[in-house]
Amino acid sequence: MRIICSSFLFLLLCSTLLSAAEVNKEQCASTINMYCTLCHTTERICKGLEKNDSDAWKTILKKMSKNDEDIDADVRTVVHACLTSLPSVTTIVCTQ
């Protein structure tokens, strides 16, 4: 079921989330909930937002993709854009 949901959500978001300039709060919240909070608490993600820069997130996301086959290069690009390009990303992630 998770693979079906992940695939559906990815296809739904893929067409609108291909570049950092196009991400929005709702899409980021959905993507982060789908891929990140399955393994990590929002508290852990929020702590990461405080200390990680863009390059650190790229490294972290690549490492996470080794643990979860659903996190491919396209998903990493979307999540990276969400974690690094929205000025209010902490309100998206840390208030959930």
C-alpha atoms as a PDB file:
ATOM      1  CA  MET A   1       0.000   0.000   0.000  1.00  0.00           C
ATOM      2  CA  ARG A   2       2.837   2.424   0.865  1.00  0.00           C
ATOM      3  CA  ILE A   3       4.453   1.916  -2.526  1.00  0.00           C
ATOM      4  CA  ILE A   4       1.153   2.585  -4.295  1.00  0.00           C
ATOM      5  CA  CYS A   5       0.535   5.725  -2.232  1.00  0.00           C
ATOM      6  CA  SER A   6       4.120   6.890  -2.675  1.00  0.00           C
ATOM      7  CA  SER A   7       3.973   6.338  -6.413  1.00  0.00           C
ATOM      8  CA  PHE A   8       0.634   8.100  -6.736  1.00  0.00           C
ATOM      9  CA  LEU A   9       1.761  11.079  -4.670  1.00  0.00           C
ATOM     10  CA  PHE A  10       5.038  11.297  -6.558  1.00  0.00           C
ATOM     11  CA  LEU A  11       3.278  11.300  -9.929  1.00  0.00           C
ATOM     12  CA  LEU A  12       0.846  13.897  -8.660  1.00  0.00           C
ATOM     13  CA  LEU A  13       3.595  16.182  -7.371  1.00  0.00           C
ATOM     14  CA  CYS A  14       6.263  15.514  -9.960  1.00  0.00           C
ATOM     15  CA  SER A  15       4.801  17.702 -12.656  1.00  0.00           C
ATOM     16  CA  THR A  16       4.629  20.724 -10.374  1.00  0.00           C
ATOM     17  CA  LEU A  17       7.699  20.213  -8.185  1.00  0.00           C
ATOM     18  CA  LEU A  18      10.562  19.881 -10.600  1.00  0.00           C
ATOM     19  CA  SER A  19      12.360  23.039  -9.596  1.00  0.00           C
ATOM     20  CA  ALA A  20      12.989  24.801  -6.325  1.00  0.00           C
ATOM     21  CA  ALA A  21      11.285  27.916  -7.640  1.00  0.00           C
ATOM     22  CA  GLU A  22       7.999  26.069  -8.033  1.00  0.00           C
ATOM     23  CA  VAL A  23       7.568  24.532  -4.575  1.00  0.00           C
ATOM     24  CA  ASN A  24       4.792  25.696  -2.292  1.00  0.00           C
ATOM     25  CA  LYS A  25       3.757  25.075   1.303  1.00  0.00           C
ATOM     26  CA  GLU A  26       1.055  22.512   0.630  1.00  0.00           C
ATOM     27  CA  GLN A  27       3.183  20.441  -1.720  1.00  0.00           C
ATOM     28  CA  CYS A  28       6.126  20.523   0.668  1.00  0.00           C
ATOM     29  CA  ALA A  29       3.997  19.514   3.635  1.00  0.00           C
ATOM     30  CA  SER A  30       2.593  16.565   1.679  1.00  0.00           C
ATOM     31  CA  THR A  31       5.985  15.483   0.382  1.00  0.00           C
ATOM     32  CA  ILE A  32       7.722  15.744   3.745  1.00  0.00           C
ATOM     33  CA  ASN A  33       4.896  13.838   5.413  1.00  0.00           C
ATOM     34  CA  MET A  34       5.002  11.145   2.747  1.00  0.00           C
ATOM     35  CA  TYR A  35       8.744  10.573   2.699  1.00  0.00           C
ATOM     36  CA  CYS A  36      10.408  12.018   5.786  1.00  0.00           C
ATOM     37  CA  THR A  37       8.088  11.548   8.733  1.00  0.00           C
ATOM     38  CA  LEU A  38       7.707   7.843   8.102  1.00  0.00           C
ATOM     39  CA  CYS A  39      11.157   7.367   9.631  1.00  0.00           C
ATOM     40  CA  HIS A  40      11.844  10.634  11.468  1.00  0.00           C
ATOM     41  CA  THR A  41       9.940  12.785  13.934  1.00  0.00           C
ATOM     42  CA  THR A  42       9.248  16.358  12.935  1.00  0.00           C
ATOM     43  CA  GLU A  43      11.369  17.350  15.934  1.00  0.00           C
ATOM     44  CA  ARG A  44      14.390  15.660  14.353  1.00  0.00           C
ATOM     45  CA  ILE A  45      13.703  17.298  10.992  1.00  0.00           C
ATOM     46  CA  CYS A  46      13.325  20.711  12.673  1.00  0.00           C
ATOM     47  CA  LYS A  47      16.664  20.306  14.424  1.00  0.00           C
ATOM     48  CA  GLY A  48      18.160  19.535  11.025  1.00  0.00           C
ATOM     49  CA  LEU A  49      16.646  22.708   9.580  1.00  0.00           C
ATOM     50  CA  GLU A  50      18.490  24.694  12.221  1.00  0.00           C
ATOM     51  CA  LYS A  51      21.922  23.261  11.433  1.00  0.00           C
ATOM     52  CA  ASN A  52      22.031  21.956   7.844  1.00  0.00           C
ATOM     53  CA  ASP A  53      22.737  23.992   4.747  1.00  0.00           C
ATOM     54  CA  SER A  54      21.896  23.095   1.157  1.00  0.00           C
ATOM     55  CA  ASP A  55      24.945  20.873   0.639  1.00  0.00           C
ATOM     56  CA  ALA A  56      24.357  19.047   3.918  1.00  0.00           C
ATOM     57  CA  TRP A  57      20.751  18.308   2.916  1.00  0.00           C
ATOM     58  CA  LYS A  58      21.922  16.879  -0.417  1.00  0.00           C
ATOM     59  CA  THR A  59      24.242  14.508   1.426  1.00  0.00           C
ATOM     60  CA  ILE A  60      21.580  13.559   3.974  1.00  0.00           C
ATOM     61  CA  LEU A  61      18.946  12.916   1.313  1.00  0.00           C
ATOM     62  CA  LYS A  62      21.318  10.752  -0.704  1.00  0.00           C
ATOM     63  CA  LYS A  63      22.040   8.709   2.421  1.00  0.00           C
ATOM     64  CA  MET A  64      18.313   8.371   3.155  1.00  0.00           C
ATOM     65  CA  SER A  65      17.687   7.141  -0.385  1.00  0.00           C
ATOM     66  CA  LYS A  66      19.938   4.182   0.362  1.00  0.00           C
ATOM     67  CA  ASN A  67      17.560   3.247   3.196  1.00  0.00           C
ATOM     68  CA  ASP A  68      14.334   3.677   1.216  1.00  0.00           C
ATOM     69  CA  GLU A  69      13.970   2.740  -2.443  1.00  0.00           C
ATOM     70  CA  ASP A  70      11.043   5.169  -2.848  1.00  0.00           C
ATOM     71  CA  ILE A  71      13.404   8.119  -2.389  1.00  0.00           C
ATOM     72  CA  ASP A  72      14.844   8.383  -5.869  1.00  0.00           C
ATOM     73  CA  ALA A  73      16.679  11.318  -7.445  1.00  0.00           C
ATOM     74  CA  ASP A  74      13.460  13.127  -8.361  1.00  0.00           C
ATOM     75  CA  VAL A  75      12.089  12.823  -4.824  1.00  0.00           C
ATOM     76  CA  ARG A  76      15.429  14.008  -3.408  1.00  0.00           C
ATOM     77  CA  THR A  77      15.231  17.078  -5.649  1.00  0.00           C
ATOM     78  CA  VAL A  78      11.737  17.898  -4.420  1.00  0.00           C
ATOM     79  CA  VAL A  79      12.515  17.359  -0.740  1.00  0.00           C
ATOM     80  CA  HIS A  80      15.745  19.343  -1.065  1.00  0.00           C
ATOM     81  CA  ALA A  81      13.846  22.229  -2.624  1.00  0.00           C
ATOM     82  CA  CYS A  82      11.302  22.096   0.186  1.00  0.00           C
ATOM     83  CA  LEU A  83      13.927  22.067   2.918  1.00  0.00           C
ATOM     84  CA  THR A  84      16.100  24.798   1.443  1.00  0.00           C
ATOM     85  CA  SER A  85      14.115  27.208  -0.698  1.00  0.00           C
ATOM     86  CA  LEU A  86      11.037  28.278   1.195  1.00  0.00           C
ATOM     87  CA  PRO A  87      11.632  30.982   3.782  1.00  0.00           C
ATOM     88  CA  SER A  88       8.850  29.586   5.950  1.00  0.00           C
ATOM     89  CA  VAL A  89       9.855  25.909   5.760  1.00  0.00           C
ATOM     90  CA  THR A  90      10.050  25.724   9.554  1.00  0.00           C
ATOM     91  CA  THR A  91       6.385  26.645   9.831  1.00  0.00           C
ATOM     92  CA  ILE A  92       5.521  23.910   7.343  1.00  0.00           C
ATOM     93  CA  VAL A  93       7.478  21.177   9.087  1.00  0.00           C
ATOM     94  CA  CYS A  94       7.755  22.214  12.699  1.00  0.00           C
ATOM     95  CA  THR A  95       4.096  22.935  13.352  1.00  0.00           C
ATOM     96  CA  GLN A  96       2.852  19.498  12.341  1.00  0.00           C
END
